[in-house]
Protein backbone atom coordinates (compact mmCIF):
# COMPACT_ATOMS: atom_id res chain seq x y z
CA MET A 1 136.13 69.24 77.81
CA ALA A 2 133.95 66.29 76.85
CA ASP A 3 130.47 66.15 78.26
CA PRO A 4 130.74 63.92 81.37
CA VAL A 5 127.30 62.44 80.63
CA SER A 6 128.59 60.91 77.39
CA LEU A 7 131.63 59.22 78.98
CA ASP A 8 131.93 56.72 81.79
CA ALA A 9 134.82 57.10 84.23
CA GLU A 10 137.05 54.61 82.40
CA ASP A 11 136.61 56.32 79.03
CA ALA A 12 137.14 59.76 80.61
CA LYS A 13 140.44 58.40 81.98
CA LEU A 14 141.48 57.43 78.44
CA VAL A 15 140.73 60.95 77.19
CA THR A 16 142.84 62.41 80.02
CA LEU A 17 145.74 60.03 79.28
CA ALA A 18 145.67 60.74 75.53
CA ARG A 19 145.55 64.49 76.09
CA GLY A 20 148.43 64.25 78.56
CA ALA A 21 150.61 62.16 76.24
CA ARG A 22 150.01 64.61 73.40
CA GLY A 23 150.62 67.69 75.53
CA ARG A 24 153.77 66.45 77.27
CA VAL A 25 155.74 66.35 74.02
CA GLY A 26 153.76 68.81 71.93
CA ALA A 27 152.76 66.12 69.44
CA PRO A 28 149.86 66.65 67.06
CA GLN A 29 148.22 63.39 68.18
CA GLY A 30 147.88 61.44 71.42
CA ALA A 31 146.22 58.11 72.07
CA ALA A 32 145.28 55.91 74.99
CA LEU A 33 144.06 52.33 75.09
CA ARG A 34 142.46 50.07 77.71
CA ASP A 35 143.29 46.40 77.25
CA GLU A 36 141.15 43.37 78.03
CA THR A 37 142.36 43.28 81.65
CA GLY A 38 141.79 46.99 82.31
CA ARG A 39 145.42 48.08 81.99
CA THR A 40 145.89 51.41 80.25
CA TYR A 41 148.55 52.66 77.88
CA ALA A 42 149.21 56.12 76.42
CA SER A 43 151.38 57.40 73.62
CA ALA A 44 151.97 60.38 71.36
CA SER A 45 152.70 60.43 67.65
CA VAL A 46 156.35 60.37 66.55
CA ASP A 47 157.66 62.27 63.55
CA LEU A 48 161.40 61.75 63.06
CA PRO A 49 163.39 61.85 59.83
CA SER A 50 163.64 58.04 59.79
CA VAL A 51 160.29 57.04 61.32
CA ARG A 52 156.78 58.45 61.41
CA LEU A 53 154.22 56.66 63.59
CA SER A 54 150.75 57.63 64.70
CA ALA A 55 149.82 57.68 68.37
CA LEU A 56 147.26 54.90 67.88
CA VAL A 57 149.77 52.57 66.19
CA LEU A 58 152.25 53.24 68.98
CA VAL A 59 149.76 52.63 71.77
CA VAL A 60 148.60 49.38 70.11
CA ALA A 61 152.26 48.31 69.83
CA GLN A 62 152.84 49.20 73.49
CA ALA A 63 149.88 47.10 74.59
CA ALA A 64 150.89 44.15 72.40
CA ALA A 65 154.51 44.35 73.62
CA SER A 66 153.19 44.26 77.20
CA GLY A 67 151.28 41.05 76.52
CA ALA A 68 147.79 42.40 75.86
CA ARG A 69 145.65 40.00 73.87
CA GLY A 70 142.78 42.40 73.25
CA ALA A 71 141.44 45.87 73.87
CA GLU A 72 138.18 47.29 75.19
CA ALA A 73 138.47 50.87 73.94
CA ALA A 74 140.83 53.52 72.63
CA VAL A 75 140.89 57.30 72.32
CA VAL A 76 142.72 59.46 69.79
CA VAL A 77 143.17 63.17 70.48
CA GLY A 78 144.10 65.31 67.50
CA PRO A 79 143.95 64.43 63.81
CA ASP A 80 141.64 61.58 62.79
CA PRO A 81 143.20 58.13 62.73
CA SER A 82 143.93 56.66 59.30
CA GLU A 83 142.56 53.38 57.99
CA ALA A 84 145.96 51.83 58.81
CA ASP A 85 145.61 53.07 62.40
CA ILE A 86 142.16 51.50 62.73
CA ALA A 87 143.50 48.29 61.16
CA ALA A 88 146.24 48.11 63.81
CA MET A 89 143.61 48.51 66.53
CA ARG A 90 141.48 45.81 64.88
CA ASP A 91 144.49 43.46 64.80
CA LEU A 92 144.74 43.71 68.59
CA ALA A 93 141.11 44.19 69.58
CA GLY A 94 139.12 42.41 66.93
CA PRO A 95 136.04 43.89 65.27
CA GLY A 96 133.52 46.14 66.98
CA VAL A 97 135.76 47.94 69.48
CA THR A 98 135.16 51.68 69.73
CA VAL A 99 137.85 54.25 69.00
CA MET A 100 136.76 57.70 70.17
CA VAL A 101 138.27 60.65 68.32
CA CYS A 102 138.52 63.86 70.35
CA ALA A 103 139.48 67.45 69.73
CA PRO A 104 142.49 68.75 71.69
CA ASP A 105 140.14 70.06 74.42
CA GLY A 106 138.75 66.54 74.94
CA THR A 107 135.44 67.08 73.14
CA ILE A 108 134.37 63.92 71.35
CA ARG A 109 134.27 64.53 67.58
CA SER A 110 133.42 61.02 66.44
CA ARG A 111 133.42 57.35 67.32
CA ALA A 112 134.73 54.68 64.98
CA ALA A 113 134.36 50.92 65.30
CA THR A 114 137.18 48.55 64.38
């Protein structure tokens, strides 16, 4: 699990939500996002014959569909987000928001800014 010293309680919650979303459905990727009001969203990647969406794109869409006008942070658990994933986050959050990328056990592998 991620070193608790490197995460505040709110970011640790995002890691837990992303891991849970991924694990519930056995998806390769999970994501969680905290919007500008502190609400949180979680999603897992979808891979169907007619649609393939990353967890980060889905969680950004969830937040936007719920009325979020920005985001404070996001976490991706599993494979690294693509440039298109980061662009979707930037569309919602603006530049400079951190996206933490974690291994399946919750260990932080990297941090990317939008």
